Amino acid sequence: MDERQAGFRGGPRPHLLYTQSTRSYNKDRIGGLVPQTWRYSGIDIYELEKHDLETVDVLFVSGSHDQIFLKSIEAKLVDYLSSGGHFLINGHITLPWLPCLSVFKAVSPRPFTNWMIRPAQPGAYFGRMDFENFHRHEGILGQYSRGYTVPPVGAQLLCLIGGPAADGMIDEGPVDWVWRMPCGGKVFMHNGDHIEQFCSDPRYQPNLFHDILNALLFSDEPRSRVNLDSATNTVEAL
C-alpha cells in the first residue's frame, strides 16, 4: 500500500523539511522543537533546486534565507505550493520570491507600543497565546518583529504590529498572516527572524511552534477562497 494514503504527502506522519543557511538561528536545535509525532529533515537551502519535495508537508524557511536564490527557483516552489505543500516562512522580504509575498515595511519604534503584537484573527495558530508574555522576549519589545508585509487577498491576518507614525497617521499591518492558494497549500508568513524561538521550547505549554504546524496541516483556516487570477493581488487597506 502506498503510505501516502495515510493523508500526508510522504508517509504515515507529517514531514517538515528545514532549509538552513550558515546564518540560520539555532539550526542544530530545530529538530528538537518539531513535534515528536512528525518526521523532520534538514538540508542546505541551495539543495532545494534539485531536492524532491513530493514527500514534504511543510517547508520551513529560516529568517536568514537567500531570496535571490529562491527567486531563481520560484517556478518549482509555486509547483510545490499548488500541489498541496505548505510553507512556513520567516524573515524580512526584500525580493518577493513567491507571487503572494510582498516587501517588508518597518513601523516606527515610537511610541514603544508600536512594537507590541496584538491579535487580529489568531485562530488555531495563535489562539492559545498570552500575547503579553510571548512578544516581550526576555522583557524586550521588538525582538519578535519590527514590521509587516501586505498579504494577498484572502489571507487571514493573525497578529498585528504598528500604530502612530511620525506624520501622525496610523501605520499598522499584519506581522503574521496565513494564505491558502486556491486548490493548493498554505503560506504562513512571519515577518521576523525566528518565530520558533518564542514560546516553542518542547517544555513550553501552550507551544507556539507546535500550534502553528498543526494549524497548517489540520485547520481549515483560512477558509476563504479566491479566484486564481487574484492570487497575486494585495489588499489595498488593512
C-alpha atoms as a PDB file:
ATOM      1  CA  MET A   1       0.000   0.000   0.000  1.00  0.00           C
ATOM      2  CA  ASP A   2       1.213   3.490  -0.804  1.00  0.00           C
ATOM      3  CA  GLU A   3       1.970   5.145   2.539  1.00  0.00           C
ATOM      4  CA  ARG A   4       0.708   8.451   1.159  1.00  0.00           C
ATOM      5  CA  GLN A   5      -2.814   7.075   1.534  1.00  0.00           C
ATOM      6  CA  ALA A   6      -2.424   7.925   5.222  1.00  0.00           C
ATOM      7  CA  GLY A   7      -3.237  11.538   4.310  1.00  0.00           C
ATOM      8  CA  PHE A   8       0.237  13.051   4.350  1.00  0.00           C
ATOM      9  CA  ARG A   9       2.481  13.605   1.376  1.00  0.00           C
ATOM     10  CA  GLY A  10       5.133  11.045   2.183  1.00  0.00           C
ATOM     11  CA  GLY A  11       4.061   8.580   4.833  1.00  0.00           C
ATOM     12  CA  PRO A  12       2.010   7.961   7.962  1.00  0.00           C
ATOM     13  CA  ARG A  13       3.423  11.055   9.712  1.00  0.00           C
ATOM     14  CA  PRO A  14       3.702  14.670   8.530  1.00  0.00           C
ATOM     15  CA  HIS A  15       7.139  15.674   7.279  1.00  0.00           C
ATOM     16  CA  LEU A  16       8.820  19.037   7.953  1.00  0.00           C
ATOM     17  CA  LEU A  17      11.817  19.984   5.817  1.00  0.00           C
ATOM     18  CA  TYR A  18      14.035  22.733   7.243  1.00  0.00           C
ATOM     19  CA  THR A  19      16.157  24.768   4.828  1.00  0.00           C
ATOM     20  CA  GLN A  20      19.175  26.126   6.644  1.00  0.00           C
ATOM     21  CA  SER A  21      21.940  28.558   5.813  1.00  0.00           C
ATOM     22  CA  THR A  22      25.188  29.462   7.531  1.00  0.00           C
ATOM     23  CA  ARG A  23      23.384  32.260   9.416  1.00  0.00           C
ATOM     24  CA  SER A  24      20.314  30.265  10.452  1.00  0.00           C
ATOM     25  CA  TYR A  25      19.435  30.743  14.108  1.00  0.00           C
ATOM     26  CA  ASN A  26      19.985  27.653  16.290  1.00  0.00           C
ATOM     27  CA  LYS A  27      19.926  25.456  13.203  1.00  0.00           C
ATOM     28  CA  ASP A  28      21.009  22.429  15.236  1.00  0.00           C
ATOM     29  CA  ARG A  29      18.032  22.797  17.612  1.00  0.00           C
ATOM     30  CA  ILE A  30      15.176  22.854  15.118  1.00  0.00           C
ATOM     31  CA  GLY A  31      14.773  19.074  15.057  1.00  0.00           C
ATOM     32  CA  GLY A  32      14.191  19.079  18.823  1.00  0.00           C
ATOM     33  CA  LEU A  33      11.446  21.685  18.524  1.00  0.00           C
ATOM     34  CA  VAL A  34       9.368  19.751  15.987  1.00  0.00           C
ATOM     35  CA  PRO A  35       6.535  17.628  17.470  1.00  0.00           C
ATOM     36  CA  GLN A  36       7.681  14.065  18.121  1.00  0.00           C
ATOM     37  CA  THR A  37       4.768  12.785  16.048  1.00  0.00           C
ATOM     38  CA  TRP A  38       6.288  14.448  12.962  1.00  0.00           C
ATOM     39  CA  ARG A  39       9.188  13.475  10.747  1.00  0.00           C
ATOM     40  CA  TYR A  40      11.994  16.015  10.441  1.00  0.00           C
ATOM     41  CA  SER A  41      14.805  16.524   7.967  1.00  0.00           C
ATOM     42  CA  GLY A  42      17.111  19.416   7.172  1.00  0.00           C
ATOM     43  CA  ILE A  43      19.046  20.444   4.078  1.00  0.00           C
ATOM     44  CA  ASP A  44      21.193  23.343   2.968  1.00  0.00           C
ATOM     45  CA  ILE A  45      18.971  25.889   1.240  1.00  0.00           C
ATOM     46  CA  TYR A  46      20.886  25.553  -2.040  1.00  0.00           C
ATOM     47  CA  GLU A  47      19.978  21.885  -2.232  1.00  0.00           C
ATOM     48  CA  LEU A  48      16.356  22.911  -2.813  1.00  0.00           C
ATOM     49  CA  GLU A  49      16.980  23.327  -6.525  1.00  0.00           C
ATOM     50  CA  LYS A  50      17.319  19.562  -7.002  1.00  0.00           C
ATOM     51  CA  HIS A  51      15.604  18.245  -3.863  1.00  0.00           C
ATOM     52  CA  ASP A  52      12.401  16.225  -4.336  1.00  0.00           C
ATOM     53  CA  LEU A  53       9.595  17.944  -2.409  1.00  0.00           C
ATOM     54  CA  GLU A  54       6.930  15.346  -3.155  1.00  0.00           C
ATOM     55  CA  THR A  55       7.043  13.924   0.389  1.00  0.00           C
ATOM     56  CA  VAL A  56       7.292  17.284   2.208  1.00  0.00           C
ATOM     57  CA  ASP A  57       4.234  18.579   4.075  1.00  0.00           C
ATOM     58  CA  VAL A  58       5.763  21.789   5.484  1.00  0.00           C
ATOM     59  CA  LEU A  59       8.757  23.573   4.000  1.00  0.00           C
ATOM     60  CA  PHE A  60      10.331  25.680   6.762  1.00  0.00           C
ATOM     61  CA  VAL A  61      12.309  28.706   5.553  1.00  0.00           C
ATOM     62  CA  SER A  62      14.609  30.337   8.113  1.00  0.00           C
ATOM     63  CA  GLY A  63      14.875  34.073   8.600  1.00  0.00           C
ATOM     64  CA  SER A  64      18.323  34.290   7.015  1.00  0.00           C
ATOM     65  CA  HIS A  65      17.460  32.903   3.599  1.00  0.00           C
ATOM     66  CA  ASP A  66      18.883  33.765   0.197  1.00  0.00           C
ATOM     67  CA  GLN A  67      15.976  35.484  -1.525  1.00  0.00           C
ATOM     68  CA  ILE A  68      17.810  35.863  -4.827  1.00  0.00           C
ATOM     69  CA  PHE A  69      18.334  32.106  -4.973  1.00  0.00           C
ATOM     70  CA  LEU A  70      14.733  31.297  -4.015  1.00  0.00           C
ATOM     71  CA  LYS A  71      13.507  33.702  -6.682  1.00  0.00           C
ATOM     72  CA  SER A  72      15.577  31.769  -9.227  1.00  0.00           C
ATOM     73  CA  ILE A  73      13.621  28.579  -8.414  1.00  0.00           C
ATOM     74  CA  GLU A  74      10.256  30.281  -7.990  1.00  0.00           C
ATOM     75  CA  ALA A  75       8.545  28.018 -10.532  1.00  0.00           C
ATOM     76  CA  LYS A  76       9.492  24.917  -8.543  1.00  0.00           C
ATOM     77  CA  LEU A  77       8.293  26.470  -5.270  1.00  0.00           C
ATOM     78  CA  VAL A  78       4.982  27.525  -6.810  1.00  0.00           C
ATOM     79  CA  ASP A  79       4.530  23.965  -8.119  1.00  0.00           C
ATOM     80  CA  TYR A  80       5.113  22.655  -4.592  1.00  0.00           C
ATOM     81  CA  LEU A  81       2.504  25.035  -3.198  1.00  0.00           C
ATOM     82  CA  SER A  82      -0.037  24.284  -5.913  1.00  0.00           C
ATOM     83  CA  SER A  83       0.368  20.548  -5.273  1.00  0.00           C
ATOM     84  CA  GLY A  84      -0.720  20.957  -1.642  1.00  0.00           C
ATOM     85  CA  GLY A  85       2.571  21.619   0.132  1.00  0.00           C
ATOM     86  CA  HIS A  86       2.743  24.277   2.846  1.00  0.00           C
ATOM     87  CA  PHE A  87       5.303  26.999   3.602  1.00  0.00           C
ATOM     88  CA  LEU A  88       6.355  28.387   6.976  1.00  0.00           C
ATOM     89  CA  ILE A  89       8.422  31.459   6.097  1.00  0.00           C
ATOM     90  CA  ASN A  90      10.472  33.668   8.411  1.00  0.00           C
ATOM     91  CA  GLY A  91      12.319  36.853   7.626  1.00  0.00           C
ATOM     92  CA  HIS A  92      12.222  40.318   6.124  1.00  0.00           C
ATOM     93  CA  ILE A  93      11.221  40.036   2.488  1.00  0.00           C
ATOM     94  CA  THR A  94      13.111  42.408   0.194  1.00  0.00           C
ATOM     95  CA  LEU A  95      12.744  40.352  -3.003  1.00  0.00           C
ATOM     96  CA  PRO A  96       9.367  38.552  -3.127  1.00  0.00           C
ATOM     97  CA  TRP A  97      10.154  35.040  -4.315  1.00  0.00           C
ATOM     98  CA  LEU A  98       6.576  33.788  -4.339  1.00  0.00           C
ATOM     99  CA  PRO A  99       3.716  35.644  -6.066  1.00  0.00           C
ATOM    100  CA  CYS A 100       1.880  36.017  -2.730  1.00  0.00           C
ATOM    101  CA  LEU A 101       4.791  37.736  -0.942  1.00  0.00           C
ATOM    102  CA  SER A 102       5.497  41.465  -0.708  1.00  0.00           C
ATOM    103  CA  VAL A 103       8.274  43.741   0.538  1.00  0.00           C
ATOM    104  CA  PHE A 104       8.792  44.184   4.291  1.00  0.00           C
ATOM    105  CA  LYS A 105       7.754  47.502   5.792  1.00  0.00           C
ATOM    106  CA  ALA A 106       9.196  48.626   9.130  1.00  0.00           C
ATOM    107  CA  VAL A 107       6.996  50.521  11.573  1.00  0.00           C
ATOM    108  CA  SER A 108       8.015  53.465  13.727  1.00  0.00           C
ATOM    109  CA  PRO A 109       9.534  52.416  17.083  1.00  0.00           C
ATOM    110  CA  ARG A 110       7.906  55.417  18.773  1.00  0.00           C
ATOM    111  CA  PRO A 111       5.800  55.095  20.760  1.00  0.00           C
ATOM    112  CA  PHE A 112       7.200  51.795  22.026  1.00  0.00           C
ATOM    113  CA  THR A 113       3.701  50.284  21.946  1.00  0.00           C
ATOM    114  CA  ASN A 114       4.021  50.117  18.141  1.00  0.00           C
ATOM    115  CA  TRP A 115       6.175  47.014  18.624  1.00  0.00           C
ATOM    116  CA  MET A 116       3.630  45.272  20.837  1.00  0.00           C
ATOM    117  CA  ILE A 117       1.984  42.388  18.992  1.00  0.00           C
ATOM    118  CA  ARG A 118      -1.811  42.317  19.003  1.00  0.00           C
ATOM    119  CA  PRO A 119      -4.181  39.551  17.946  1.00  0.00           C
ATOM    120  CA  ALA A 120      -6.275  40.043  14.822  1.00  0.00           C
ATOM    121  CA  GLN A 121      -7.797  36.679  13.828  1.00  0.00           C
ATOM    122  CA  PRO A 122      -5.376  34.369  15.657  1.00  0.00           C
ATOM    123  CA  GLY A 123      -7.446  31.211  15.149  1.00  0.00           C
ATOM    124  CA  ALA A 124      -5.727  27.909  15.831  1.00  0.00           C
ATOM    125  CA  TYR A 125      -2.331  29.454  15.070  1.00  0.00           C
ATOM    126  CA  PHE A 126      -2.078  31.944  17.964  1.00  0.00           C
ATOM    127  CA  GLY A 127      -5.381  31.390  19.762  1.00  0.00           C
ATOM    128  CA  ARG A 128      -3.789  29.838  22.865  1.00  0.00           C
ATOM    129  CA  MET A 129      -1.090  32.501  23.250  1.00  0.00           C
ATOM    130  CA  ASP A 130      -0.881  35.091  26.006  1.00  0.00           C
ATOM    131  CA  PHE A 131       0.390  37.949  23.864  1.00  0.00           C
ATOM    132  CA  GLU A 132       1.698  39.884  26.858  1.00  0.00           C
ATOM    133  CA  ASN A 133       4.118  37.044  27.569  1.00  0.00           C
ATOM    134  CA  PHE A 134       5.352  35.983  24.161  1.00  0.00           C
ATOM    135  CA  HIS A 135       6.040  39.312  22.431  1.00  0.00           C
ATOM    136  CA  ARG A 136       8.219  40.604  25.287  1.00  0.00           C
ATOM    137  CA  HIS A 137      11.049  38.158  24.644  1.00  0.00           C
ATOM    138  CA  GLU A 138      13.418  38.412  27.625  1.00  0.00           C
ATOM    139  CA  GLY A 139      11.483  41.544  28.562  1.00  0.00           C
ATOM    140  CA  ILE A 140      12.435  43.380  25.365  1.00  0.00           C
ATOM    141  CA  LEU A 141       9.970  44.593  22.755  1.00  0.00           C
ATOM    142  CA  GLY A 142      10.992  44.486  19.100  1.00  0.00           C
ATOM    143  CA  GLN A 143      12.721  41.107  19.081  1.00  0.00           C
ATOM    144  CA  TYR A 144       9.630  39.369  17.722  1.00  0.00           C
ATOM    145  CA  SER A 145       9.397  41.719  14.748  1.00  0.00           C
ATOM    146  CA  ARG A 146       9.569  45.368  13.791  1.00  0.00           C
ATOM    147  CA  GLY A 147       7.274  45.477  10.794  1.00  0.00           C
ATOM    148  CA  TYR A 148       4.897  43.692   8.459  1.00  0.00           C
ATOM    149  CA  THR A 149       4.080  42.867   4.845  1.00  0.00           C
ATOM    150  CA  VAL A 150       0.854  43.406   2.957  1.00  0.00           C
ATOM    151  CA  PRO A 151      -0.689  39.959   2.402  1.00  0.00           C
ATOM    152  CA  PRO A 152      -2.538  38.674  -0.658  1.00  0.00           C
ATOM    153  CA  VAL A 153      -6.301  38.880  -0.962  1.00  0.00           C
ATOM    154  CA  GLY A 154      -7.992  36.177   1.085  1.00  0.00           C
ATOM    155  CA  ALA A 155      -5.258  35.932   3.727  1.00  0.00           C
ATOM    156  CA  GLN A 156      -6.116  35.560   7.398  1.00  0.00           C
ATOM    157  CA  LEU A 157      -4.462  38.306   9.435  1.00  0.00           C
ATOM    158  CA  LEU A 158      -3.216  36.578  12.579  1.00  0.00           C
ATOM    159  CA  CYS A 159      -1.236  39.221  14.507  1.00  0.00           C
ATOM    160  CA  LEU A 160      -0.841  42.981  14.069  1.00  0.00           C
ATOM    161  CA  ILE A 161       2.029  45.371  14.690  1.00  0.00           C
ATOM    162  CA  GLY A 162       2.354  49.133  14.371  1.00  0.00           C
ATOM    163  CA  GLY A 163       0.463  52.253  15.357  1.00  0.00           C
ATOM    164  CA  PRO A 164       1.056  56.014  15.115  1.00  0.00           C
ATOM    165  CA  ALA A 165       3.757  57.064  12.659  1.00  0.00           C
ATOM    166  CA  ALA A 166       5.882  60.217  12.737  1.00  0.00           C
ATOM    167  CA  ASP A 167       3.423  62.016  10.447  1.00  0.00           C
ATOM    168  CA  GLY A 168       0.554  61.271  12.792  1.00  0.00           C
ATOM    169  CA  MET A 169      -1.009  58.654  10.540  1.00  0.00           C
ATOM    170  CA  ILE A 170      -1.688  55.108  11.739  1.00  0.00           C
ATOM    171  CA  ASP A 171       0.712  52.585  10.203  1.00  0.00           C
ATOM    172  CA  GLU A 172      -0.442  49.122  11.218  1.00  0.00           C
ATOM    173  CA  GLY A 173      -0.252  45.788   9.456  1.00  0.00           C
ATOM    174  CA  PRO A 174      -0.035  42.004   9.867  1.00  0.00           C
ATOM    175  CA  VAL A 175       3.220  40.765  11.338  1.00  0.00           C
ATOM    176  CA  ASP A 176       1.883  37.226  10.883  1.00  0.00           C
ATOM    177  CA  TRP A 177      -0.578  36.056   8.251  1.00  0.00           C
ATOM    178  CA  VAL A 178      -1.608  32.849   6.519  1.00  0.00           C
ATOM    179  CA  TRP A 179      -2.935  32.465   2.979  1.00  0.00           C
ATOM    180  CA  ARG A 180      -4.302  29.456   1.159  1.00  0.00           C
ATOM    181  CA  MET A 181      -3.528  29.089  -2.520  1.00  0.00           C
ATOM    182  CA  PRO A 182      -6.754  28.184  -4.345  1.00  0.00           C
ATOM    183  CA  CYS A 183      -6.797  24.384  -4.678  1.00  0.00           C
ATOM    184  CA  GLY A 184      -3.294  24.271  -3.155  1.00  0.00           C
ATOM    185  CA  GLY A 185      -1.375  24.580   0.094  1.00  0.00           C
ATOM    186  CA  LYS A 186      -0.930  27.391   2.606  1.00  0.00           C
ATOM    187  CA  VAL A 187       1.722  30.046   3.147  1.00  0.00           C
ATOM    188  CA  PHE A 188       2.376  31.146   6.733  1.00  0.00           C
ATOM    189  CA  MET A 189       4.403  34.367   6.792  1.00  0.00           C
ATOM    190  CA  HIS A 190       6.208  35.587   9.911  1.00  0.00           C
ATOM    191  CA  ASN A 191       7.774  38.999   9.311  1.00  0.00           C
ATOM    192  CA  GLY A 192      10.562  38.461  11.800  1.00  0.00           C
ATOM    193  CA  ASP A 193      13.709  36.401  12.030  1.00  0.00           C
ATOM    194  CA  HIS A 194      12.831  33.270  14.019  1.00  0.00           C
ATOM    195  CA  ILE A 195       9.317  32.516  15.190  1.00  0.00           C
ATOM    196  CA  GLU A 196      10.493  29.214  16.659  1.00  0.00           C
ATOM    197  CA  GLN A 197      12.398  30.960  19.458  1.00  0.00           C
ATOM    198  CA  PHE A 198       9.185  32.285  21.026  1.00  0.00           C
ATOM    199  CA  CYS A 199       7.222  30.037  23.408  1.00  0.00           C
ATOM    200  CA  SER A 200       8.368  26.983  21.465  1.00  0.00           C
ATOM    201  CA  ASP A 201      10.654  25.057  23.807  1.00  0.00           C
ATOM    202  CA  PRO A 202       9.322  21.457  23.970  1.00  0.00           C
ATOM    203  CA  ARG A 203       8.591  22.021  27.687  1.00  0.00           C
ATOM    204  CA  TYR A 204       6.518  25.130  26.967  1.00  0.00           C
ATOM    205  CA  GLN A 205       2.724  24.796  27.004  1.00  0.00           C
ATOM    206  CA  PRO A 206       0.934  26.092  25.080  1.00  0.00           C
ATOM    207  CA  ASN A 207       3.595  25.678  22.414  1.00  0.00           C
ATOM    208  CA  LEU A 208       3.522  28.278  19.633  1.00  0.00           C
ATOM    209  CA  PHE A 209       5.596  26.335  17.088  1.00  0.00           C
ATOM    210  CA  HIS A 210       3.509  23.196  17.556  1.00  0.00           C
ATOM    211  CA  ASP A 211       0.269  25.160  17.273  1.00  0.00           C
ATOM    212  CA  ILE A 212       1.363  26.784  14.009  1.00  0.00           C
ATOM    213  CA  LEU A 213       2.462  23.487  12.458  1.00  0.00           C
ATOM    214  CA  ASN A 214      -0.707  21.688  13.490  1.00  0.00           C
ATOM    215  CA  ALA A 215      -2.883  24.544  12.251  1.00  0.00           C
ATOM    216  CA  LEU A 216      -1.144  24.479   8.872  1.00  0.00           C
ATOM    217  CA  LEU A 217      -1.965  20.808   8.409  1.00  0.00           C
ATOM    218  CA  PHE A 218      -5.136  20.219  10.373  1.00  0.00           C
ATOM    219  CA  SER A 219      -7.001  23.550  10.432  1.00  0.00           C
ATOM    220  CA  ASP A 220      -9.287  24.806   7.665  1.00  0.00           C
ATOM    221  CA  GLU A 221      -8.125  28.368   8.302  1.00  0.00           C
ATOM    222  CA  PRO A 222      -8.152  30.459   6.255  1.00  0.00           C
ATOM    223  CA  ARG A 223     -11.492  29.302   4.878  1.00  0.00           C
ATOM    224  CA  SER A 224     -11.936  31.975   2.212  1.00  0.00           C
ATOM    225  CA  ARG A 225     -11.199  31.051  -1.376  1.00  0.00           C
ATOM    226  CA  VAL A 226     -10.284  33.476  -4.122  1.00  0.00           C
ATOM    227  CA  ASN A 227     -10.022  33.180  -7.870  1.00  0.00           C
ATOM    228  CA  LEU A 228      -6.670  32.167  -9.241  1.00  0.00           C
ATOM    229  CA  ASP A 229      -6.449  35.473 -11.125  1.00  0.00           C
ATOM    230  CA  SER A 230      -6.453  37.386  -7.836  1.00  0.00           C
ATOM    231  CA  ALA A 231      -3.752  35.302  -6.163  1.00  0.00           C
ATOM    232  CA  THR A 232      -1.082  37.927  -6.781  1.00  0.00           C
ATOM    233  CA  ASN A 233      -3.226  40.910  -5.809  1.00  0.00           C
ATOM    234  CA  THR A 234      -2.664  42.607  -2.472  1.00  0.00           C
ATOM    235  CA  VAL A 235      -5.148  44.251  -0.178  1.00  0.00           C
ATOM    236  CA  GLU A 236      -5.343  47.991  -0.511  1.00  0.00           C
ATOM    237  CA  ALA A 237      -6.280  48.610   3.102  1.00  0.00           C
ATOM    238  CA  LEU A 238      -5.933  46.544   6.247  1.00  0.00           C
END
